[in-house]
Amino acid sequence: MQQECIFCKIAAKAIPVNAVYEDEQLIAFADINPVAPVHILVIPKKHIANILETTPDDAALLGHIMITIPQIAASAGLAEDGFRLVVNTKDNGGQTVYHLHYHILGGRFMTWPPG
């Protein structure tokens, strides 16, 4: 656990959240500042600063994330109409918490370009 990382503290249960999904590798919960009617964050319990910091050793974890996200989205009622999946990376990508995380956004039509 990174000492100052809020998502590491959430994964370690030092900061409580109402998880919508959790297993041994991931936890998913509602974003506290939602930008859509449904806004869920999916974080690996392992600290990885961002997608650029992944290595071949993370392949199984990344595959697990991508297989699990559709299940989380479906349980949130987003399967029929669809959703947007976002991974912000570093400052210019809009990353504000330096722990890899995925935003599941849905419940409304998403415009393009995003921002």
N, C-alpha and C. Protein backbone atom coordinates (compact mmCIF):
# COMPACT_ATOMS: atom_id res chain seq x y z
N MET A 1 0.85 -1.19 0.00
CA MET A 1 0.00 0.00 0.00
C MET A 1 0.89 1.24 0.00
N GLN A 2 0.59 2.15 -0.90
CA GLN A 2 1.26 3.44 -0.92
C GLN A 2 0.67 4.29 0.21
N GLN A 3 1.49 4.86 1.04
CA GLN A 3 1.05 5.57 2.24
C GLN A 3 0.02 6.66 1.97
N GLU A 4 0.20 7.44 0.91
CA GLU A 4 -0.66 8.59 0.67
C GLU A 4 -1.76 8.33 -0.36
N CYS A 5 -1.83 7.13 -0.87
CA CYS A 5 -2.77 6.83 -1.95
C CYS A 5 -4.16 6.52 -1.39
N ILE A 6 -5.12 7.36 -1.72
CA ILE A 6 -6.48 7.16 -1.21
C ILE A 6 -7.09 5.85 -1.70
N PHE A 7 -6.79 5.45 -2.93
CA PHE A 7 -7.36 4.20 -3.43
C PHE A 7 -6.72 2.98 -2.77
N CYS A 8 -5.43 3.07 -2.41
CA CYS A 8 -4.80 1.99 -1.63
C CYS A 8 -5.47 1.88 -0.26
N LYS A 9 -5.81 3.02 0.33
CA LYS A 9 -6.48 3.01 1.64
C LYS A 9 -7.88 2.40 1.52
N ILE A 10 -8.57 2.69 0.42
CA ILE A 10 -9.88 2.08 0.18
C ILE A 10 -9.72 0.57 0.01
N ALA A 11 -8.76 0.14 -0.79
CA ALA A 11 -8.53 -1.29 -1.03
C ALA A 11 -8.17 -2.02 0.26
N ALA A 12 -7.46 -1.33 1.16
CA ALA A 12 -7.05 -1.93 2.44
C ALA A 12 -8.12 -1.81 3.52
N LYS A 13 -9.25 -1.22 3.18
CA LYS A 13 -10.38 -1.03 4.10
C LYS A 13 -10.10 0.01 5.19
N ALA A 14 -9.07 0.83 5.00
CA ALA A 14 -8.79 1.92 5.93
C ALA A 14 -9.76 3.07 5.74
N ILE A 15 -10.31 3.18 4.53
CA ILE A 15 -11.37 4.14 4.21
C ILE A 15 -12.54 3.32 3.69
N PRO A 16 -13.69 3.39 4.38
CA PRO A 16 -14.82 2.57 3.95
C PRO A 16 -15.54 3.15 2.73
N VAL A 17 -16.01 2.26 1.88
CA VAL A 17 -16.86 2.62 0.74
C VAL A 17 -17.97 1.59 0.65
N ASN A 18 -19.05 1.96 -0.02
CA ASN A 18 -20.11 1.00 -0.31
C ASN A 18 -19.78 0.34 -1.64
N ALA A 19 -19.13 -0.79 -1.57
CA ALA A 19 -18.69 -1.48 -2.79
C ALA A 19 -19.90 -2.03 -3.54
N VAL A 20 -19.88 -1.83 -4.86
CA VAL A 20 -20.88 -2.46 -5.71
C VAL A 20 -20.36 -3.79 -6.25
N TYR A 21 -19.04 -3.99 -6.12
CA TYR A 21 -18.40 -5.24 -6.51
C TYR A 21 -17.07 -5.32 -5.78
N GLU A 22 -16.71 -6.53 -5.37
CA GLU A 22 -15.39 -6.73 -4.78
C GLU A 22 -15.01 -8.19 -4.91
N ASP A 23 -13.74 -8.42 -5.22
CA ASP A 23 -13.16 -9.76 -5.18
C ASP A 23 -11.73 -9.61 -4.66
N GLU A 24 -10.93 -10.63 -4.79
CA GLU A 24 -9.58 -10.59 -4.22
C GLU A 24 -8.66 -9.61 -4.95
N GLN A 25 -9.02 -9.21 -6.17
CA GLN A 25 -8.14 -8.34 -6.96
C GLN A 25 -8.68 -6.93 -7.18
N LEU A 26 -10.00 -6.75 -7.08
CA LEU A 26 -10.64 -5.48 -7.46
C LEU A 26 -11.65 -5.04 -6.41
N ILE A 27 -11.93 -3.75 -6.45
CA ILE A 27 -13.08 -3.21 -5.73
C ILE A 27 -13.70 -2.13 -6.63
N ALA A 28 -15.02 -2.08 -6.65
CA ALA A 28 -15.74 -1.08 -7.45
C ALA A 28 -16.74 -0.39 -6.55
N PHE A 29 -16.86 0.93 -6.74
CA PHE A 29 -17.74 1.73 -5.89
C PHE A 29 -18.14 2.99 -6.64
N ALA A 30 -19.21 3.64 -6.18
CA ALA A 30 -19.70 4.86 -6.82
C ALA A 30 -18.70 6.00 -6.60
N ASP A 31 -18.48 6.78 -7.66
CA ASP A 31 -17.62 7.96 -7.58
C ASP A 31 -18.31 9.00 -6.70
N ILE A 32 -17.53 9.68 -5.83
CA ILE A 32 -18.13 10.69 -4.95
C ILE A 32 -18.45 11.99 -5.68
N ASN A 33 -17.89 12.16 -6.88
CA ASN A 33 -18.19 13.32 -7.72
C ASN A 33 -18.66 12.83 -9.09
N PRO A 34 -19.85 12.27 -9.18
CA PRO A 34 -20.29 11.66 -10.44
C PRO A 34 -20.49 12.68 -11.55
N VAL A 35 -20.14 12.27 -12.78
CA VAL A 35 -20.36 13.10 -13.96
C VAL A 35 -21.42 12.50 -14.87
N ALA A 36 -22.07 11.45 -14.40
CA ALA A 36 -23.15 10.79 -15.12
C ALA A 36 -24.08 10.19 -14.08
N PRO A 37 -25.31 9.87 -14.46
CA PRO A 37 -26.23 9.25 -13.50
C PRO A 37 -25.66 7.99 -12.84
N VAL A 38 -24.90 7.21 -13.61
CA VAL A 38 -24.16 6.08 -13.05
C VAL A 38 -22.68 6.36 -13.29
N HIS A 39 -21.91 6.39 -12.22
CA HIS A 39 -20.47 6.65 -12.32
C HIS A 39 -19.79 5.77 -11.28
N ILE A 40 -19.23 4.68 -11.76
CA ILE A 40 -18.59 3.69 -10.89
C ILE A 40 -17.10 3.68 -11.16
N LEU A 41 -16.30 3.64 -10.10
CA LEU A 41 -14.86 3.48 -10.21
C LEU A 41 -14.50 2.03 -9.96
N VAL A 42 -13.63 1.51 -10.78
CA VAL A 42 -13.11 0.14 -10.61
C VAL A 42 -11.62 0.27 -10.40
N ILE A 43 -11.14 -0.22 -9.25
CA ILE A 43 -9.71 -0.10 -8.95
C ILE A 43 -9.12 -1.47 -8.64
N PRO A 44 -7.91 -1.71 -9.12
CA PRO A 44 -7.22 -2.92 -8.66
C PRO A 44 -6.74 -2.69 -7.23
N LYS A 45 -6.70 -3.74 -6.45
CA LYS A 45 -6.20 -3.61 -5.08
C LYS A 45 -4.68 -3.42 -5.06
N LYS A 46 -4.02 -3.90 -6.10
CA LYS A 46 -2.58 -3.68 -6.25
C LYS A 46 -2.34 -2.24 -6.68
N HIS A 47 -1.38 -1.57 -6.06
CA HIS A 47 -1.07 -0.19 -6.47
C HIS A 47 -0.29 -0.21 -7.78
N ILE A 48 -0.87 0.43 -8.77
CA ILE A 48 -0.21 0.72 -10.05
C ILE A 48 -0.55 2.17 -10.31
N ALA A 49 0.43 3.03 -10.50
CA ALA A 49 0.17 4.47 -10.61
C ALA A 49 -0.74 4.81 -11.77
N ASN A 50 -0.51 4.22 -12.93
CA ASN A 50 -1.35 4.48 -14.10
C ASN A 50 -1.09 3.39 -15.13
N ILE A 51 -1.80 3.43 -16.23
CA ILE A 51 -1.71 2.38 -17.24
C ILE A 51 -0.30 2.28 -17.83
N LEU A 52 0.45 3.38 -17.82
CA LEU A 52 1.82 3.36 -18.33
C LEU A 52 2.76 2.56 -17.44
N GLU A 53 2.37 2.34 -16.20
CA GLU A 53 3.20 1.62 -15.24
C GLU A 53 2.93 0.12 -15.23
N THR A 54 2.01 -0.35 -16.07
CA THR A 54 1.74 -1.78 -16.11
C THR A 54 2.89 -2.51 -16.79
N THR A 55 3.03 -3.77 -16.43
CA THR A 55 4.09 -4.61 -17.00
C THR A 55 3.45 -5.92 -17.47
N PRO A 56 4.22 -6.75 -18.16
CA PRO A 56 3.68 -8.06 -18.53
C PRO A 56 3.21 -8.88 -17.32
N ASP A 57 3.79 -8.64 -16.16
CA ASP A 57 3.35 -9.34 -14.95
C ASP A 57 1.92 -8.97 -14.56
N ASP A 58 1.41 -7.86 -15.07
CA ASP A 58 0.04 -7.41 -14.76
C ASP A 58 -0.99 -7.91 -15.76
N ALA A 59 -0.59 -8.72 -16.72
CA ALA A 59 -1.50 -9.15 -17.78
C ALA A 59 -2.74 -9.86 -17.23
N ALA A 60 -2.57 -10.75 -16.29
CA ALA A 60 -3.72 -11.48 -15.73
C ALA A 60 -4.65 -10.52 -15.00
N LEU A 61 -4.10 -9.59 -14.24
CA LEU A 61 -4.92 -8.61 -13.53
C LEU A 61 -5.68 -7.73 -14.52
N LEU A 62 -5.02 -7.24 -15.54
CA LEU A 62 -5.68 -6.39 -16.53
C LEU A 62 -6.77 -7.15 -17.27
N GLY A 63 -6.52 -8.41 -17.59
CA GLY A 63 -7.54 -9.23 -18.22
C GLY A 63 -8.74 -9.43 -17.30
N HIS A 64 -8.47 -9.65 -16.02
CA HIS A 64 -9.54 -9.82 -15.05
C HIS A 64 -10.39 -8.55 -14.96
N ILE A 65 -9.74 -7.40 -14.97
CA ILE A 65 -10.47 -6.13 -14.93
C ILE A 65 -11.40 -6.03 -16.14
N MET A 66 -10.88 -6.31 -17.32
CA MET A 66 -11.67 -6.15 -18.54
C MET A 66 -12.80 -7.17 -18.65
N ILE A 67 -12.64 -8.33 -18.04
CA ILE A 67 -13.72 -9.33 -18.02
C ILE A 67 -14.76 -8.97 -16.97
N THR A 68 -14.35 -8.34 -15.89
CA THR A 68 -15.25 -8.02 -14.78
C THR A 68 -16.05 -6.75 -15.02
N ILE A 69 -15.50 -5.77 -15.71
CA ILE A 69 -16.20 -4.51 -15.95
C ILE A 69 -17.57 -4.71 -16.61
N PRO A 70 -17.71 -5.55 -17.63
CA PRO A 70 -19.05 -5.75 -18.19
C PRO A 70 -20.06 -6.30 -17.18
N GLN A 71 -19.60 -7.15 -16.27
CA GLN A 71 -20.48 -7.68 -15.23
C GLN A 71 -20.93 -6.56 -14.28
N ILE A 72 -20.00 -5.69 -13.91
CA ILE A 72 -20.32 -4.57 -13.03
C ILE A 72 -21.31 -3.63 -13.73
N ALA A 73 -21.02 -3.32 -14.99
CA ALA A 73 -21.92 -2.45 -15.77
C ALA A 73 -23.31 -3.06 -15.90
N ALA A 74 -23.37 -4.34 -16.16
CA ALA A 74 -24.67 -5.01 -16.29
C ALA A 74 -25.44 -4.96 -14.98
N SER A 75 -24.75 -5.18 -13.86
CA SER A 75 -25.43 -5.15 -12.57
C SER A 75 -25.92 -3.75 -12.22
N ALA A 76 -25.32 -2.73 -12.85
CA ALA A 76 -25.75 -1.34 -12.64
C ALA A 76 -26.84 -0.93 -13.63
N GLY A 77 -27.28 -1.86 -14.47
CA GLY A 77 -28.35 -1.58 -15.43
C GLY A 77 -27.91 -0.91 -16.70
N LEU A 78 -26.63 -1.04 -17.05
CA LEU A 78 -26.10 -0.33 -18.21
C LEU A 78 -25.93 -1.19 -19.46
N ALA A 79 -26.19 -2.48 -19.37
CA ALA A 79 -25.92 -3.37 -20.49
C ALA A 79 -26.78 -3.09 -21.72
N GLU A 80 -28.04 -2.77 -21.52
CA GLU A 80 -28.94 -2.60 -22.66
C GLU A 80 -28.62 -1.34 -23.48
N ASP A 81 -28.44 -0.21 -22.81
CA ASP A 81 -28.21 1.06 -23.52
C ASP A 81 -26.74 1.38 -23.73
N GLY A 82 -25.85 0.73 -22.99
CA GLY A 82 -24.42 0.95 -23.13
C GLY A 82 -23.84 1.91 -22.11
N PHE A 83 -22.54 2.07 -22.18
CA PHE A 83 -21.81 2.89 -21.21
C PHE A 83 -20.48 3.30 -21.82
N ARG A 84 -19.82 4.22 -21.15
CA ARG A 84 -18.48 4.64 -21.56
C ARG A 84 -17.50 4.15 -20.50
N LEU A 85 -16.34 3.66 -20.95
CA LEU A 85 -15.27 3.24 -20.06
C LEU A 85 -14.10 4.18 -20.27
N VAL A 86 -13.60 4.78 -19.18
CA VAL A 86 -12.55 5.79 -19.29
C VAL A 86 -11.39 5.42 -18.35
N VAL A 87 -10.17 5.56 -18.86
CA VAL A 87 -8.96 5.42 -18.05
C VAL A 87 -8.14 6.69 -18.29
N ASN A 88 -8.16 7.59 -17.33
CA ASN A 88 -7.37 8.82 -17.44
C ASN A 88 -5.92 8.50 -17.08
N THR A 89 -4.98 9.12 -17.81
CA THR A 89 -3.57 8.83 -17.59
C THR A 89 -2.76 10.11 -17.53
N LYS A 90 -2.14 10.33 -16.40
CA LYS A 90 -1.30 11.49 -16.10
C LYS A 90 -2.09 12.81 -16.20
N ASP A 91 -1.38 13.91 -16.01
CA ASP A 91 -2.04 15.21 -15.90
C ASP A 91 -2.85 15.60 -17.14
N ASN A 92 -2.24 15.50 -18.32
CA ASN A 92 -2.95 15.90 -19.54
C ASN A 92 -4.11 14.97 -19.86
N GLY A 93 -4.10 13.77 -19.31
CA GLY A 93 -5.19 12.84 -19.50
C GLY A 93 -6.29 13.00 -18.47
N GLY A 94 -6.09 13.93 -17.52
CA GLY A 94 -7.11 14.19 -16.51
C GLY A 94 -7.01 13.33 -15.27
N GLN A 95 -5.90 12.61 -15.09
CA GLN A 95 -5.77 11.75 -13.92
C GLN A 95 -5.54 12.60 -12.68
N THR A 96 -6.36 12.40 -11.65
CA THR A 96 -6.21 13.16 -10.40
C THR A 96 -5.77 12.29 -9.24
N VAL A 97 -6.04 10.99 -9.31
CA VAL A 97 -5.56 10.05 -8.30
C VAL A 97 -4.60 9.10 -9.02
N TYR A 98 -3.36 9.07 -8.56
CA TYR A 98 -2.34 8.27 -9.22
C TYR A 98 -2.35 6.83 -8.72
N HIS A 99 -3.45 6.17 -9.00
CA HIS A 99 -3.66 4.73 -8.79
C HIS A 99 -4.56 4.34 -9.95
N LEU A 100 -4.13 3.39 -10.75
CA LEU A 100 -4.90 2.97 -11.92
C LEU A 100 -6.36 2.76 -11.54
N HIS A 101 -7.25 3.37 -12.29
CA HIS A 101 -8.68 3.16 -12.07
C HIS A 101 -9.45 3.39 -13.36
N TYR A 102 -10.59 2.74 -13.42
CA TYR A 102 -11.45 2.77 -14.58
C TYR A 102 -12.77 3.42 -14.18
N HIS A 103 -13.26 4.34 -15.01
CA HIS A 103 -14.55 4.97 -14.79
C HIS A 103 -15.57 4.29 -15.69
N ILE A 104 -16.63 3.77 -15.10
CA ILE A 104 -17.77 3.27 -15.86
C ILE A 104 -18.82 4.38 -15.79
N LEU A 105 -19.16 4.95 -16.94
CA LEU A 105 -20.11 6.07 -17.00
C LEU A 105 -21.32 5.66 -17.82
N GLY A 106 -22.50 5.90 -17.29
CA GLY A 106 -23.70 5.54 -18.03
C GLY A 106 -24.95 6.19 -17.46
N GLY A 107 -26.06 5.80 -18.04
CA GLY A 107 -27.34 6.34 -17.60
C GLY A 107 -27.77 7.57 -18.39
N ARG A 108 -26.97 7.96 -19.38
CA ARG A 108 -27.32 9.07 -20.27
C ARG A 108 -26.51 8.91 -21.55
N PHE A 109 -26.89 9.65 -22.59
CA PHE A 109 -26.15 9.63 -23.84
C PHE A 109 -24.83 10.36 -23.64
N MET A 110 -23.73 9.76 -24.08
CA MET A 110 -22.41 10.37 -23.98
C MET A 110 -22.07 11.09 -25.27
N THR A 111 -21.66 12.34 -25.16
CA THR A 111 -21.30 13.11 -26.35
C THR A 111 -19.82 12.89 -26.71
N TRP A 112 -19.47 13.35 -27.91
CA TRP A 112 -18.07 13.26 -28.37
C TRP A 112 -17.72 14.52 -29.09
N PRO A 113 -16.57 15.12 -28.90
CA PRO A 113 -15.49 14.63 -28.03
C PRO A 113 -15.82 14.86 -26.55
N PRO A 114 -15.15 14.09 -25.67
CA PRO A 114 -15.51 14.13 -24.26
C PRO A 114 -15.06 15.37 -23.52
N GLY A 115 -14.01 16.05 -23.96
CA GLY A 115 -13.61 17.22 -23.19
C GLY A 115 -12.39 17.90 -23.70
